[in-house]
Protein backbone atom coordinates (compact mmCIF):
# COMPACT_ATOMS: atom_id res chain seq x y z
CA MET A 1 68.97 -1.59 22.42
CA SER A 2 66.44 -4.34 22.91
CA SER A 3 63.92 -5.10 20.18
CA ASP A 4 61.11 -3.87 22.48
CA LYS A 5 62.71 -0.43 22.68
CA ASN A 6 63.24 -0.44 18.91
CA ALA A 7 59.59 -1.34 18.33
CA ALA A 8 58.46 1.51 20.57
CA ARG A 9 60.54 3.89 18.48
CA GLY A 10 59.15 2.53 15.22
CA LEU A 11 62.49 0.96 14.29
CA TRP A 12 61.39 -2.67 14.29
CA ARG A 13 61.02 -4.18 10.83
CA HIS A 14 59.17 -7.27 9.67
CA PRO A 15 61.18 -9.95 7.90
CA PRO A 16 60.68 -9.51 4.17
CA LEU A 17 58.12 -11.63 2.37
CA SER A 18 58.62 -12.51 -1.24
CA ASP A 19 55.66 -12.12 -3.58
CA ALA A 20 55.44 -15.93 -3.74
CA ASP A 21 55.31 -16.22 0.07
CA ALA A 22 52.66 -13.54 0.27
CA ALA A 23 50.51 -15.05 -2.45
CA THR A 24 50.48 -18.52 -0.91
CA ARG A 25 50.53 -17.97 2.86
CA VAL A 26 48.96 -14.67 3.83
CA ARG A 27 45.15 -14.49 4.05
CA VAL A 28 44.75 -11.21 5.95
CA ALA A 29 47.31 -8.41 5.91
CA LEU A 30 47.07 -5.52 8.35
CA MET A 31 49.29 -2.68 7.16
CA ASP A 32 49.71 0.35 9.39
CA GLU A 33 51.08 3.28 7.35
CA PRO A 34 53.07 0.91 5.08
CA ILE A 35 54.39 3.56 2.71
CA VAL A 36 55.08 6.50 5.01
CA ALA A 37 58.54 8.03 4.61
CA LEU A 38 59.86 5.39 2.22
CA GLU A 39 62.44 6.06 -0.44
CA PRO A 40 61.25 5.34 -4.01
CA VAL A 41 62.74 1.83 -4.28
CA SER A 42 61.08 0.64 -1.06
CA LEU A 43 57.83 2.35 -2.01
CA ILE A 44 57.70 0.39 -5.27
CA ALA A 45 58.49 -2.86 -3.42
CA VAL A 46 55.68 -2.32 -0.90
CA LYS A 47 53.20 -1.42 -3.65
CA ASP A 48 54.22 -4.57 -5.56
CA LEU A 49 53.65 -6.63 -2.41
CA ILE A 50 50.20 -5.07 -1.94
CA ASP A 51 49.37 -5.88 -5.57
CA ALA A 52 50.44 -9.51 -5.04
CA LEU A 53 48.51 -9.81 -1.78
CA GLU A 54 45.27 -8.36 -3.14
CA LYS A 55 44.82 -11.38 -5.41
CA THR A 56 44.43 -13.84 -2.53
CA ALA A 57 44.20 -11.91 0.73
CA THR A 58 42.12 -9.35 2.53
CA ILE A 59 44.16 -6.20 3.04
CA MET A 60 43.45 -3.72 5.81
CA LEU A 61 45.55 -0.64 5.18
CA VAL A 62 45.48 1.97 7.92
CA THR A 63 46.60 5.43 6.90
CA CYS A 64 46.06 9.08 7.72
CA ASP A 65 46.91 10.01 4.14
CA PRO A 66 44.06 9.62 1.64
CA GLN A 67 46.46 9.32 -1.33
CA PRO A 68 47.63 5.73 -0.66
CA ALA A 69 44.10 4.70 0.28
CA ALA A 70 42.81 6.05 -3.03
CA GLN A 71 45.07 3.55 -4.81
CA CYS A 72 43.66 0.55 -2.94
CA PRO A 73 41.46 -2.08 -4.50
CA ASP A 74 37.74 -2.01 -3.71
CA PRO A 75 36.05 -1.67 -1.29
CA VAL A 76 37.33 1.11 0.96
CA ALA A 77 35.88 2.01 4.35
CA PHE A 78 36.15 5.28 6.21
CA PRO A 79 36.13 4.85 10.00
CA ASP A 80 35.81 7.59 12.60
CA ARG A 81 36.15 7.05 16.33
CA GLY A 82 35.83 3.29 15.95
CA GLU A 83 32.69 3.44 13.83
CA ARG A 84 32.44 2.79 10.09
CA ILE A 85 31.13 6.03 8.60
CA GLU A 86 31.12 4.98 4.96
CA ALA A 87 32.12 2.00 2.85
CA ALA A 88 32.08 2.18 -0.93
CA SER A 89 34.08 1.51 -4.04
CA THR A 90 37.40 3.32 -4.08
CA GLU A 91 36.25 5.54 -6.94
CA LEU A 92 32.96 6.49 -5.27
CA LEU A 93 34.47 7.15 -1.84
CA PHE A 94 37.23 9.37 -3.22
CA THR A 95 35.15 11.25 -5.79
CA SER A 96 31.92 11.83 -3.87
CA PRO A 97 32.06 10.88 -0.19
CA GLN A 98 28.66 11.35 1.45
CA PRO A 99 29.10 11.88 5.21
CA PRO A 100 30.47 15.37 6.01
CA ARG A 101 33.35 13.98 8.13
CA ALA A 102 34.50 11.72 5.28
CA ARG A 103 34.10 14.52 2.75
CA HIS A 104 36.12 17.00 4.84
CA THR A 105 38.91 14.52 5.58
CA ILE A 106 39.26 13.24 2.03
CA THR A 107 39.29 16.72 0.58
CA GLY A 108 41.87 17.81 3.17
CA TRP A 109 39.73 19.83 5.56
CA LEU A 110 39.76 18.37 9.04
CA VAL A 111 36.92 19.72 11.12
């Protein structure tokens, strides 16, 4: 299979970055569902990488699952249909979201 076909199937993987590489070279990290369906060892490795990156880089983590987002450093934004609905500290957004759409999604009720 070509790498294009693998990428379309979600099988393409990025070359690994060490914590040192991440801390010195990466300024913006876009992570699309970085911890979905990972076994525990890989999950810990990705979380360690995120922790290393947050010291020097801007991280944009895209996820449909509020649990990983709730563990992110501040601030957190909630977008809907391409528009930022709310942006707040992680604690505030996940304990008392204001817009109804954010509140329903974060509490698990999609409307």
